[in-house]
Amino acid sequence: MRRYALLLMMLSAFAAQGQQLSQYTQYVFNQFSVNPAVAGSKDCLDVRLGYRKQWVGLEGAPVTGWASLHGTIRAKGKPFMANKHGIGLFVESDNAGNWGYTRFLLAYAYHIQMSGDYFLSMGAFGGVQQMKYDFGNSTTVQFDDPALTGKASAVVFPEVTPGIFLYNKLAWAGLSMHQALGNKIKNIGLDSKLARQFMLSGGYKYRIGKKTALIPSTLLKFSKGAPPAWDVNAMVEYNRKFAIGAGYRAGDALTLLMKVGFAKYFQLGYSYDITTSKLRTVSSNTHEVILSIMPCGKEDLSRKMINCPAFD
């Protein structure tokens, strides 16, 4: 039963002739993976490490690991700048059944102060992706299927993702287009291409006390050959040290989320997905963990670019 469920999932991906990117429940705590224009939005170096085990118990289910870092380029002795440059790095590895990929992306973004504490940034990822398929463990109905004759791996270059991001300390909204070039995947499959995927995200921090805030958010994904995906989350945050919340991914799962800060520079995020789709008969949950490291110094908060952005 589990093998058939995974086979159905993989056949759907091939039918779309494109790769769907990894899915993250904690997109608010992992905004840089959603939009490259986030690079440099913090006032110090931002390092994140993550791991996601999807559909636990289903053989060959997706497993994703990633690491990212981004920061601001600024002149020494000038903690405040009206406009600034951001740079970053994002590395991701994903494996599902016989299929897998590794992405290595560099990011650049330019941030412009619009009015008050509102900032608009424009940026892009640029990099390379290695894709692989295990032909040896594939079972076909047709002998010598032409779709399964070729090399076991392919390098896709360049991979480009532009994005635009509007934010302040209480709200954010962004739009990005992943795999914008729609590159062909040579040697694997027949006329296979990377699918362009649009991601629209937004959220707002409602103050409900001196130390407490409610943060609702949403993420929409659109890709040719696949139905739209829609996530909606809401978290209650206390003193920027602890947060707990819940969410829903349309047609897929209910989600529970938690985030806790510790040891001054560290934050740990965890999410648990309760599967609501037909896959619940073979798998009932998904786990995702993110560790954030932000070694911010003791600069004058009044002179910083922006103090405590809402999407942190």
C-alpha atoms as a PDB file:
ATOM      1  CA  MET A   1       0.000   0.000   0.000  1.00  0.00           C
ATOM      2  CA  ARG A   2       2.778   2.378   0.928  1.00  0.00           C
ATOM      3  CA  ARG A   3       4.700   1.604  -2.254  1.00  0.00           C
ATOM      4  CA  TYR A   4       1.628   2.347  -4.376  1.00  0.00           C
ATOM      5  CA  ALA A   5       1.077   5.673  -2.610  1.00  0.00           C
ATOM      6  CA  LEU A   6       4.667   6.727  -3.270  1.00  0.00           C
ATOM      7  CA  LEU A   7       4.472   5.525  -6.891  1.00  0.00           C
ATOM      8  CA  LEU A   8       1.346   7.626  -7.442  1.00  0.00           C
ATOM      9  CA  MET A   9       3.104  10.673  -5.978  1.00  0.00           C
ATOM     10  CA  MET A  10       6.141  10.249  -8.262  1.00  0.00           C
ATOM     11  CA  LEU A  11       4.072   9.590 -11.398  1.00  0.00           C
ATOM     12  CA  SER A  12       2.185  12.822 -10.741  1.00  0.00           C
ATOM     13  CA  ALA A  13       5.474  14.712 -10.652  1.00  0.00           C
ATOM     14  CA  PHE A  14       6.619  13.217 -13.985  1.00  0.00           C
ATOM     15  CA  ALA A  15       3.251  13.946 -15.598  1.00  0.00           C
ATOM     16  CA  ALA A  16       3.711  17.630 -14.795  1.00  0.00           C
ATOM     17  CA  GLN A  17       7.154  17.476 -16.482  1.00  0.00           C
ATOM     18  CA  GLY A  18       8.608  19.594 -13.752  1.00  0.00           C
ATOM     19  CA  GLN A  19      10.009  19.495 -10.281  1.00  0.00           C
ATOM     20  CA  GLN A  20       8.024  20.775  -7.357  1.00  0.00           C
ATOM     21  CA  LEU A  21      10.245  22.430  -4.770  1.00  0.00           C
ATOM     22  CA  SER A  22      10.533  21.305  -1.181  1.00  0.00           C
ATOM     23  CA  GLN A  23       7.643  22.173   1.090  1.00  0.00           C
ATOM     24  CA  TYR A  24       8.145  23.931   4.427  1.00  0.00           C
ATOM     25  CA  THR A  25       5.616  24.349   7.219  1.00  0.00           C
ATOM     26  CA  GLN A  26       7.659  27.003   9.052  1.00  0.00           C
ATOM     27  CA  TYR A  27       7.871  29.397   6.105  1.00  0.00           C
ATOM     28  CA  VAL A  28       7.678  32.439   8.423  1.00  0.00           C
ATOM     29  CA  PHE A  29      10.736  31.188  10.322  1.00  0.00           C
ATOM     30  CA  ASN A  30      12.416  30.339   7.008  1.00  0.00           C
ATOM     31  CA  GLN A  31      11.521  33.334   4.801  1.00  0.00           C
ATOM     32  CA  PHE A  32      14.876  33.390   3.014  1.00  0.00           C
ATOM     33  CA  SER A  33      14.072  30.042   1.356  1.00  0.00           C
ATOM     34  CA  VAL A  34      10.835  31.551   0.046  1.00  0.00           C
ATOM     35  CA  ASN A  35      12.207  34.863  -1.254  1.00  0.00           C
ATOM     36  CA  PRO A  36      15.832  35.891  -2.051  1.00  0.00           C
ATOM     37  CA  ALA A  37      14.953  39.573  -1.467  1.00  0.00           C
ATOM     38  CA  VAL A  38      14.965  38.768   2.283  1.00  0.00           C
ATOM     39  CA  ALA A  39      18.806  38.669   2.172  1.00  0.00           C
ATOM     40  CA  GLY A  40      20.190  41.454   4.374  1.00  0.00           C
ATOM     41  CA  SER A  41      16.855  42.337   6.004  1.00  0.00           C
ATOM     42  CA  LYS A  42      18.280  41.686   9.480  1.00  0.00           C
ATOM     43  CA  ASP A  43      20.825  43.870  11.268  1.00  0.00           C
ATOM     44  CA  CYS A  44      23.254  41.016  11.840  1.00  0.00           C
ATOM     45  CA  LEU A  45      24.310  37.735  10.281  1.00  0.00           C
ATOM     46  CA  ASP A  46      21.409  35.269  10.067  1.00  0.00           C
ATOM     47  CA  VAL A  47      22.293  31.540   9.992  1.00  0.00           C
ATOM     48  CA  ARG A  48      19.660  28.783   9.785  1.00  0.00           C
ATOM     49  CA  LEU A  49      19.896  24.992   9.681  1.00  0.00           C
ATOM     50  CA  GLY A  50      16.876  22.832   8.965  1.00  0.00           C
ATOM     51  CA  TYR A  51      15.640  19.279   8.569  1.00  0.00           C
ATOM     52  CA  ARG A  52      12.245  17.982   7.414  1.00  0.00           C
ATOM     53  CA  LYS A  53      11.003  14.383   7.488  1.00  0.00           C
ATOM     54  CA  GLN A  54       7.753  14.219   5.552  1.00  0.00           C
ATOM     55  CA  TRP A  55       5.088  11.504   5.788  1.00  0.00           C
ATOM     56  CA  VAL A  56       6.845   9.417   8.446  1.00  0.00           C
ATOM     57  CA  GLY A  57       6.401   5.679   7.874  1.00  0.00           C
ATOM     58  CA  LEU A  58       5.949   5.942   4.098  1.00  0.00           C
ATOM     59  CA  GLU A  59       8.838   4.220   2.333  1.00  0.00           C
ATOM     60  CA  GLY A  60      10.766   6.650   0.138  1.00  0.00           C
ATOM     61  CA  ALA A  61       8.931   9.721   1.462  1.00  0.00           C
ATOM     62  CA  PRO A  62      10.624  13.148   1.046  1.00  0.00           C
ATOM     63  CA  VAL A  63      13.509  14.017   3.368  1.00  0.00           C
ATOM     64  CA  THR A  64      14.963  17.528   3.157  1.00  0.00           C
ATOM     65  CA  GLY A  65      17.961  19.194   4.753  1.00  0.00           C
ATOM     66  CA  TRP A  66      19.109  22.774   4.235  1.00  0.00           C
ATOM     67  CA  ALA A  67      21.407  25.518   5.463  1.00  0.00           C
ATOM     68  CA  SER A  68      21.285  29.257   4.832  1.00  0.00           C
ATOM     69  CA  LEU A  69      23.035  32.438   5.832  1.00  0.00           C
ATOM     70  CA  HIS A  70      22.580  36.058   4.860  1.00  0.00           C
ATOM     71  CA  GLY A  71      23.637  39.475   6.055  1.00  0.00           C
ATOM     72  CA  THR A  72      24.161  43.128   5.218  1.00  0.00           C
ATOM     73  CA  ILE A  73      27.099  44.807   3.503  1.00  0.00           C
ATOM     74  CA  ARG A  74      27.738  48.063   5.325  1.00  0.00           C
ATOM     75  CA  ALA A  75      30.570  50.526   5.775  1.00  0.00           C
ATOM     76  CA  LYS A  76      32.512  50.164   9.012  1.00  0.00           C
ATOM     77  CA  GLY A  77      31.387  52.638  11.670  1.00  0.00           C
ATOM     78  CA  LYS A  78      28.054  53.340   9.939  1.00  0.00           C
ATOM     79  CA  PRO A  79      25.370  51.238  11.686  1.00  0.00           C
ATOM     80  CA  PHE A  80      22.519  53.073   9.936  1.00  0.00           C
ATOM     81  CA  MET A  81      22.049  53.392   6.174  1.00  0.00           C
ATOM     82  CA  ALA A  82      18.897  54.513   4.364  1.00  0.00           C
ATOM     83  CA  ASN A  83      19.575  51.954   1.608  1.00  0.00           C
ATOM     84  CA  LYS A  84      21.706  48.837   1.844  1.00  0.00           C
ATOM     85  CA  HIS A  85      22.951  45.704   0.081  1.00  0.00           C
ATOM     86  CA  GLY A  86      22.292  42.169   1.250  1.00  0.00           C
ATOM     87  CA  ILE A  87      24.055  38.938   0.288  1.00  0.00           C
ATOM     88  CA  GLY A  88      23.410  35.326   1.193  1.00  0.00           C
ATOM     89  CA  LEU A  89      23.791  31.617   0.534  1.00  0.00           C
ATOM     90  CA  PHE A  90      21.203  28.824   0.444  1.00  0.00           C
ATOM     91  CA  VAL A  91      22.027  25.111   0.148  1.00  0.00           C
ATOM     92  CA  GLU A  92      19.320  22.445   0.025  1.00  0.00           C
ATOM     93  CA  SER A  93      19.202  18.688  -0.462  1.00  0.00           C
ATOM     94  CA  ASP A  94      15.969  16.766  -1.046  1.00  0.00           C
ATOM     95  CA  ASN A  95      15.360  13.063  -1.655  1.00  0.00           C
ATOM     96  CA  ALA A  96      12.066  11.307  -2.398  1.00  0.00           C
ATOM     97  CA  GLY A  97      12.073   7.689  -3.509  1.00  0.00           C
ATOM     98  CA  ASN A  98      14.382   7.286  -6.509  1.00  0.00           C
ATOM     99  CA  TRP A  99      14.448  11.033  -7.155  1.00  0.00           C
ATOM    100  CA  GLY A 100      16.633  13.657  -5.509  1.00  0.00           C
ATOM    101  CA  TYR A 101      18.352  16.988  -6.001  1.00  0.00           C
ATOM    102  CA  THR A 102      20.872  19.347  -4.421  1.00  0.00           C
ATOM    103  CA  ARG A 103      20.768  23.124  -4.920  1.00  0.00           C
ATOM    104  CA  PHE A 104      23.545  25.652  -4.292  1.00  0.00           C
ATOM    105  CA  LEU A 105      22.322  29.246  -4.570  1.00  0.00           C
ATOM    106  CA  LEU A 106      23.895  32.655  -3.979  1.00  0.00           C
ATOM    107  CA  ALA A 107      21.665  35.659  -3.241  1.00  0.00           C
ATOM    108  CA  TYR A 108      21.876  39.404  -3.657  1.00  0.00           C
ATOM    109  CA  ALA A 109      19.285  42.012  -2.626  1.00  0.00           C
ATOM    110  CA  TYR A 110      19.067  45.795  -2.555  1.00  0.00           C
ATOM    111  CA  HIS A 111      16.938  47.418   0.175  1.00  0.00           C
ATOM    112  CA  ILE A 112      15.392  50.878  -0.257  1.00  0.00           C
ATOM    113  CA  GLN A 113      13.840  52.918   2.552  1.00  0.00           C
ATOM    114  CA  MET A 114      10.389  53.947   1.305  1.00  0.00           C
ATOM    115  CA  SER A 115       8.848  55.972   4.153  1.00  0.00           C
ATOM    116  CA  GLY A 116       9.090  55.731   7.925  1.00  0.00           C
ATOM    117  CA  ASP A 117      10.227  52.203   8.719  1.00  0.00           C
ATOM    118  CA  TYR A 118       8.906  50.638   5.483  1.00  0.00           C
ATOM    119  CA  PHE A 119      11.515  49.085   3.211  1.00  0.00           C
ATOM    120  CA  LEU A 120      11.330  47.621  -0.287  1.00  0.00           C
ATOM    121  CA  SER A 121      13.914  45.087  -1.398  1.00  0.00           C
ATOM    122  CA  MET A 122      14.565  43.466  -4.756  1.00  0.00           C
ATOM    123  CA  GLY A 123      16.822  40.462  -5.083  1.00  0.00           C
ATOM    124  CA  ALA A 124      17.617  37.191  -6.812  1.00  0.00           C
ATOM    125  CA  PHE A 125      19.028  33.733  -6.277  1.00  0.00           C
ATOM    126  CA  GLY A 126      21.528  32.490  -8.822  1.00  0.00           C
ATOM    127  CA  GLY A 127      23.176  29.093  -8.769  1.00  0.00           C
ATOM    128  CA  VAL A 128      23.273  25.484  -9.843  1.00  0.00           C
ATOM    129  CA  GLN A 129      21.239  22.351  -9.209  1.00  0.00           C
ATOM    130  CA  GLN A 130      22.274  18.727  -9.473  1.00  0.00           C
ATOM    131  CA  MET A 131      19.453  16.282 -10.071  1.00  0.00           C
ATOM    132  CA  LYS A 132      19.626  12.505  -9.793  1.00  0.00           C
ATOM    133  CA  TYR A 133      17.422   9.520 -10.490  1.00  0.00           C
ATOM    134  CA  ASP A 134      18.091   5.911  -9.444  1.00  0.00           C
ATOM    135  CA  PHE A 135      17.304   3.895 -12.568  1.00  0.00           C
ATOM    136  CA  GLY A 136      18.517   0.646 -10.983  1.00  0.00           C
ATOM    137  CA  ASN A 137      15.697   0.575  -8.434  1.00  0.00           C
ATOM    138  CA  SER A 138      12.953   1.487 -10.915  1.00  0.00           C
ATOM    139  CA  THR A 139      10.343  -1.055 -12.009  1.00  0.00           C
ATOM    140  CA  THR A 140       8.591  -0.470 -15.347  1.00  0.00           C
ATOM    141  CA  VAL A 141       5.724  -2.104 -17.196  1.00  0.00           C
ATOM    142  CA  GLN A 142       7.411  -1.547 -20.561  1.00  0.00           C
ATOM    143  CA  PHE A 143      10.832  -3.123 -21.063  1.00  0.00           C
ATOM    144  CA  ASP A 144      13.557  -0.620 -21.975  1.00  0.00           C
ATOM    145  CA  ASP A 145      11.253   2.365 -21.383  1.00  0.00           C
ATOM    146  CA  PRO A 146      12.894   5.349 -23.209  1.00  0.00           C
ATOM    147  CA  ALA A 147      11.993   7.656 -20.324  1.00  0.00           C
ATOM    148  CA  LEU A 148      14.307   5.624 -18.090  1.00  0.00           C
ATOM    149  CA  THR A 149      17.319   5.411 -20.382  1.00  0.00           C
ATOM    150  CA  GLY A 150      20.002   7.982 -19.784  1.00  0.00           C
ATOM    151  CA  LYS A 151      22.408   9.151 -17.147  1.00  0.00           C
ATOM    152  CA  ALA A 152      21.770   8.874 -13.419  1.00  0.00           C
ATOM    153  CA  SER A 153      22.357  12.585 -12.797  1.00  0.00           C
ATOM    154  CA  ALA A 154      22.130  15.950 -14.514  1.00  0.00           C
ATOM    155  CA  VAL A 155      23.422  19.433 -13.698  1.00  0.00           C
ATOM    156  CA  VAL A 156      21.047  22.330 -14.305  1.00  0.00           C
ATOM    157  CA  PHE A 157      22.743  25.724 -14.727  1.00  0.00           C
ATOM    158  CA  PRO A 158      22.021  28.529 -14.240  1.00  0.00           C
ATOM    159  CA  GLU A 159      19.064  28.420 -11.863  1.00  0.00           C
ATOM    160  CA  VAL A 160      17.607  31.906 -11.306  1.00  0.00           C
ATOM    161  CA  THR A 161      14.945  33.077  -8.830  1.00  0.00           C
ATOM    162  CA  PRO A 162      13.999  36.785  -8.684  1.00  0.00           C
ATOM    163  CA  GLY A 163      11.971  38.252  -5.831  1.00  0.00           C
ATOM    164  CA  ILE A 164      10.524  41.452  -4.394  1.00  0.00           C
ATOM    165  CA  PHE A 165       9.815  42.069  -0.700  1.00  0.00           C
ATOM    166  CA  LEU A 166       8.071  44.868   1.252  1.00  0.00           C
ATOM    167  CA  TYR A 167       8.456  44.882   5.037  1.00  0.00           C
ATOM    168  CA  ASN A 168       8.657  46.724   8.333  1.00  0.00           C
ATOM    169  CA  LYS A 169       8.598  45.626  11.986  1.00  0.00           C
ATOM    170  CA  LEU A 170       4.869  44.835  11.890  1.00  0.00           C
ATOM    171  CA  ALA A 171       4.157  43.437   8.424  1.00  0.00           C
ATOM    172  CA  TRP A 172       5.595  41.890   5.287  1.00  0.00           C
ATOM    173  CA  ALA A 173       4.547  40.882   1.771  1.00  0.00           C
ATOM    174  CA  GLY A 174       6.613  39.303  -0.969  1.00  0.00           C
ATOM    175  CA  LEU A 175       6.503  37.672  -4.396  1.00  0.00           C
ATOM    176  CA  SER A 176       9.140  35.391  -5.928  1.00  0.00           C
ATOM    177  CA  MET A 177       9.420  33.247  -9.073  1.00  0.00           C
ATOM    178  CA  HIS A 178      11.486  30.122  -8.490  1.00  0.00           C
ATOM    179  CA  GLN A 179      13.227  28.338 -11.389  1.00  0.00           C
ATOM    180  CA  ALA A 180      12.379  31.330 -13.574  1.00  0.00           C
ATOM    181  CA  LEU A 181      14.273  30.105 -16.640  1.00  0.00           C
ATOM    182  CA  GLY A 182      12.346  26.818 -16.844  1.00  0.00           C
ATOM    183  CA  ASN A 183      15.626  25.010 -17.620  1.00  0.00           C
ATOM    184  CA  LYS A 184      15.629  21.718 -19.465  1.00  0.00           C
ATOM    185  CA  ILE A 185      16.801  18.673 -17.519  1.00  0.00           C
ATOM    186  CA  LYS A 186      19.117  16.893 -19.896  1.00  0.00           C
ATOM    187  CA  ASN A 187      19.657  13.108 -19.809  1.00  0.00           C
ATOM    188  CA  ILE A 188      16.827  12.392 -17.338  1.00  0.00           C
ATOM    189  CA  GLY A 189      13.342  11.662 -18.695  1.00  0.00           C
ATOM    190  CA  LEU A 190      11.890  12.886 -21.989  1.00  0.00           C
ATOM    191  CA  ASP A 191      11.831  16.644 -22.552  1.00  0.00           C
ATOM    192  CA  SER A 192      11.851  17.272 -18.801  1.00  0.00           C
ATOM    193  CA  LYS A 193      11.967  20.852 -17.520  1.00  0.00           C
ATOM    194  CA  LEU A 194      12.098  22.679 -14.218  1.00  0.00           C
ATOM    195  CA  ALA A 195       8.645  24.052 -13.459  1.00  0.00           C
ATOM    196  CA  ARG A 196       8.385  27.765 -12.705  1.00  0.00           C
ATOM    197  CA  GLN A 197       6.839  28.259  -9.296  1.00  0.00           C
ATOM    198  CA  PHE A 198       5.416  31.532  -8.000  1.00  0.00           C
ATOM    199  CA  MET A 199       5.337  32.120  -4.237  1.00  0.00           C
ATOM    200  CA  LEU A 200       3.283  34.889  -2.645  1.00  0.00           C
ATOM    201  CA  SER A 201       3.692  35.414   1.107  1.00  0.00           C
ATOM    202  CA  GLY A 202       2.433  37.917   3.649  1.00  0.00           C
ATOM    203  CA  GLY A 203       1.723  38.464   7.315  1.00  0.00           C
ATOM    204  CA  TYR A 204       1.087  40.991  10.069  1.00  0.00           C
ATOM    205  CA  LYS A 205       1.996  41.304  13.745  1.00  0.00           C
ATOM    206  CA  TYR A 206      -0.948  42.440  15.909  1.00  0.00           C
ATOM    207  CA  ARG A 207       0.154  43.796  19.277  1.00  0.00           C
ATOM    208  CA  ILE A 208      -2.077  42.486  22.060  1.00  0.00           C
ATOM    209  CA  GLY A 209       0.078  43.654  24.963  1.00  0.00           C
ATOM    210  CA  LYS A 210       3.503  45.039  25.769  1.00  0.00           C
ATOM    211  CA  LYS A 211       5.133  41.645  25.310  1.00  0.00           C
ATOM    212  CA  THR A 212       2.527  39.624  23.407  1.00  0.00           C
ATOM    213  CA  ALA A 213       1.610  39.590  19.709  1.00  0.00           C
ATOM    214  CA  LEU A 214      -0.564  37.577  17.327  1.00  0.00           C
ATOM    215  CA  ILE A 215       1.062  36.876  13.942  1.00  0.00           C
ATOM    216  CA  PRO A 216      -1.222  35.516  11.192  1.00  0.00           C
ATOM    217  CA  SER A 217       0.453  34.680   7.870  1.00  0.00           C
ATOM    218  CA  THR A 218      -0.137  32.994   4.541  1.00  0.00           C
ATOM    219  CA  LEU A 219       1.844  31.459   1.678  1.00  0.00           C
ATOM    220  CA  LEU A 220       0.416  30.711  -1.774  1.00  0.00           C
ATOM    221  CA  LYS A 221       2.225  28.679  -4.450  1.00  0.00           C
ATOM    222  CA  PHE A 222       1.350  28.492  -8.127  1.00  0.00           C
ATOM    223  CA  SER A 223       3.002  26.157 -10.646  1.00  0.00           C
ATOM    224  CA  LYS A 224       2.015  24.962 -14.114  1.00  0.00           C
ATOM    225  CA  GLY A 225       0.782  21.378 -14.105  1.00  0.00           C
ATOM    226  CA  ALA A 226       0.012  21.330 -10.387  1.00  0.00           C
ATOM    227  CA  PRO A 227      -2.914  22.609  -8.302  1.00  0.00           C
ATOM    228  CA  PRO A 228      -2.321  25.810  -6.277  1.00  0.00           C
ATOM    229  CA  ALA A 229      -1.000  25.226  -2.759  1.00  0.00           C
ATOM    230  CA  TRP A 230      -2.163  27.420   0.114  1.00  0.00           C
ATOM    231  CA  ASP A 231      -0.840  27.596   3.678  1.00  0.00           C
ATOM    232  CA  VAL A 232      -2.262  29.735   6.472  1.00  0.00           C
ATOM    233  CA  ASN A 233      -0.694  29.958   9.946  1.00  0.00           C
ATOM    234  CA  ALA A 234      -1.215  31.944  13.140  1.00  0.00           C
ATOM    235  CA  MET A 235       1.199  32.167  16.067  1.00  0.00           C
ATOM    236  CA  VAL A 236       1.046  33.861  19.461  1.00  0.00           C
ATOM    237  CA  GLU A 237       4.440  35.268  20.438  1.00  0.00           C
ATOM    238  CA  TYR A 238       5.586  36.265  23.919  1.00  0.00           C
ATOM    239  CA  ASN A 239       8.528  38.608  24.512  1.00  0.00           C
ATOM    240  CA  ARG A 240      10.069  37.470  21.197  1.00  0.00           C
ATOM    241  CA  LYS A 241      11.357  34.444  23.098  1.00  0.00           C
ATOM    242  CA  PHE A 242       8.520  31.958  22.816  1.00  0.00           C
ATOM    243  CA  ALA A 243       5.782  31.361  20.246  1.00  0.00           C
ATOM    244  CA  ILE A 244       3.143  28.715  19.674  1.00  0.00           C
ATOM    245  CA  GLY A 245       0.613  28.372  16.894  1.00  0.00           C
ATOM    246  CA  ALA A 246      -1.345  26.300  14.404  1.00  0.00           C
ATOM    247  CA  GLY A 247      -2.076  26.286  10.706  1.00  0.00           C
ATOM    248  CA  TYR A 248      -3.668  24.548   7.754  1.00  0.00           C
ATOM    249  CA  ARG A 249      -2.363  23.481   4.348  1.00  0.00           C
ATOM    250  CA  ALA A 250      -5.290  23.175   1.954  1.00  0.00           C
ATOM    251  CA  GLY A 251      -6.098  19.568   1.144  1.00  0.00           C
ATOM    252  CA  ASP A 252      -3.016  18.246   2.914  1.00  0.00           C
ATOM    253  CA  ALA A 253      -2.504  18.814   6.640  1.00  0.00           C
ATOM    254  CA  LEU A 254      -3.232  20.522   9.917  1.00  0.00           C
ATOM    255  CA  THR A 255      -0.061  21.948  11.458  1.00  0.00           C
ATOM    256  CA  LEU A 256       1.193  22.707  14.970  1.00  0.00           C
ATOM    257  CA  LEU A 257       4.125  25.086  15.444  1.00  0.00           C
ATOM    258  CA  MET A 258       6.426  26.174  18.252  1.00  0.00           C
ATOM    259  CA  LYS A 259       9.459  28.458  18.525  1.00  0.00           C
ATOM    260  CA  VAL A 260      11.684  29.138  21.536  1.00  0.00           C
ATOM    261  CA  GLY A 261      14.695  31.393  22.038  1.00  0.00           C
ATOM    262  CA  PHE A 262      17.633  30.377  24.229  1.00  0.00           C
ATOM    263  CA  ALA A 263      21.285  31.183  25.011  1.00  0.00           C
ATOM    264  CA  LYS A 264      20.944  34.780  23.737  1.00  0.00           C
ATOM    265  CA  TYR A 265      21.697  34.152  20.046  1.00  0.00           C
ATOM    266  CA  PHE A 266      19.720  30.959  19.337  1.00  0.00           C
ATOM    267  CA  GLN A 267      16.143  30.104  18.373  1.00  0.00           C
ATOM    268  CA  LEU A 268      14.682  26.649  17.785  1.00  0.00           C
ATOM    269  CA  GLY A 269      11.559  26.062  15.704  1.00  0.00           C
ATOM    270  CA  TYR A 270       9.550  22.857  15.464  1.00  0.00           C
ATOM    271  CA  SER A 271       6.432  21.925  13.504  1.00  0.00           C
ATOM    272  CA  TYR A 272       4.266  18.818  13.408  1.00  0.00           C
ATOM    273  CA  ASP A 273       1.969  18.153  10.452  1.00  0.00           C
ATOM    274  CA  ILE A 274      -1.128  15.986  10.879  1.00  0.00           C
ATOM    275  CA  THR A 275      -1.910  14.537   7.448  1.00  0.00           C
ATOM    276  CA  THR A 276      -5.505  15.058   6.284  1.00  0.00           C
ATOM    277  CA  SER A 277      -5.173  13.891   2.651  1.00  0.00           C
ATOM    278  CA  LYS A 278      -5.626  10.300   1.455  1.00  0.00           C
ATOM    279  CA  LEU A 279      -2.010   9.646   2.425  1.00  0.00           C
ATOM    280  CA  ARG A 280      -3.162   9.560   6.062  1.00  0.00           C
ATOM    281  CA  THR A 281      -3.930   5.846   5.569  1.00  0.00           C
ATOM    282  CA  VAL A 282      -0.184   5.125   5.243  1.00  0.00           C
ATOM    283  CA  SER A 283       1.366   8.092   7.049  1.00  0.00           C
ATOM    284  CA  SER A 284      -0.055  10.368   9.710  1.00  0.00           C
ATOM    285  CA  ASN A 285       2.611  12.973  10.423  1.00  0.00           C
ATOM    286  CA  THR A 286       5.549  15.125   9.325  1.00  0.00           C
ATOM    287  CA  HIS A 287       8.316  16.633  11.458  1.00  0.00           C
ATOM    288  CA  GLU A 288      10.319  19.802  10.729  1.00  0.00           C
ATOM    289  CA  VAL A 289      13.090  21.365  12.860  1.00  0.00           C
ATOM    290  CA  ILE A 290      14.923  24.676  12.331  1.00  0.00           C
ATOM    291  CA  LEU A 291      17.826  26.113  14.332  1.00  0.00           C
ATOM    292  CA  SER A 292      18.447  29.849  13.970  1.00  0.00           C
ATOM    293  CA  ILE A 293      21.680  31.594  15.011  1.00  0.00           C
ATOM    294  CA  MET A 294      21.743  35.421  15.006  1.00  0.00           C
ATOM    295  CA  PRO A 295      24.844  36.812  16.762  1.00  0.00           C
ATOM    296  CA  CYS A 296      23.638  40.408  17.014  1.00  0.00           C
ATOM    297  CA  GLY A 297      25.933  42.901  18.743  1.00  0.00           C
ATOM    298  CA  LYS A 298      25.071  45.623  21.259  1.00  0.00           C
ATOM    299  CA  GLU A 299      24.429  48.396  18.730  1.00  0.00           C
ATOM    300  CA  ASP A 300      22.146  51.330  19.470  1.00  0.00           C
ATOM    301  CA  LEU A 301      18.674  50.052  18.506  1.00  0.00           C
ATOM    302  CA  SER A 302      17.557  53.568  17.517  1.00  0.00           C
ATOM    303  CA  ARG A 303      20.200  53.625  14.779  1.00  0.00           C
ATOM    304  CA  LYS A 304      19.484  50.215  13.310  1.00  0.00           C
ATOM    305  CA  MET A 305      17.982  49.744   9.859  1.00  0.00           C
ATOM    306  CA  ILE A 306      14.885  48.117  11.322  1.00  0.00           C
ATOM    307  CA  ASN A 307      14.299  46.798  14.808  1.00  0.00           C
ATOM    308  CA  CYS A 308      12.768  43.295  15.089  1.00  0.00           C
ATOM    309  CA  PRO A 309      11.116  42.598  11.690  1.00  0.00           C
ATOM    310  CA  ALA A 310       7.779  40.794  11.976  1.00  0.00           C
ATOM    311  CA  PHE A 311       8.810  37.779   9.915  1.00  0.00           C
ATOM    312  CA  ASP A 312      11.636  36.709  12.251  1.00  0.00           C
END
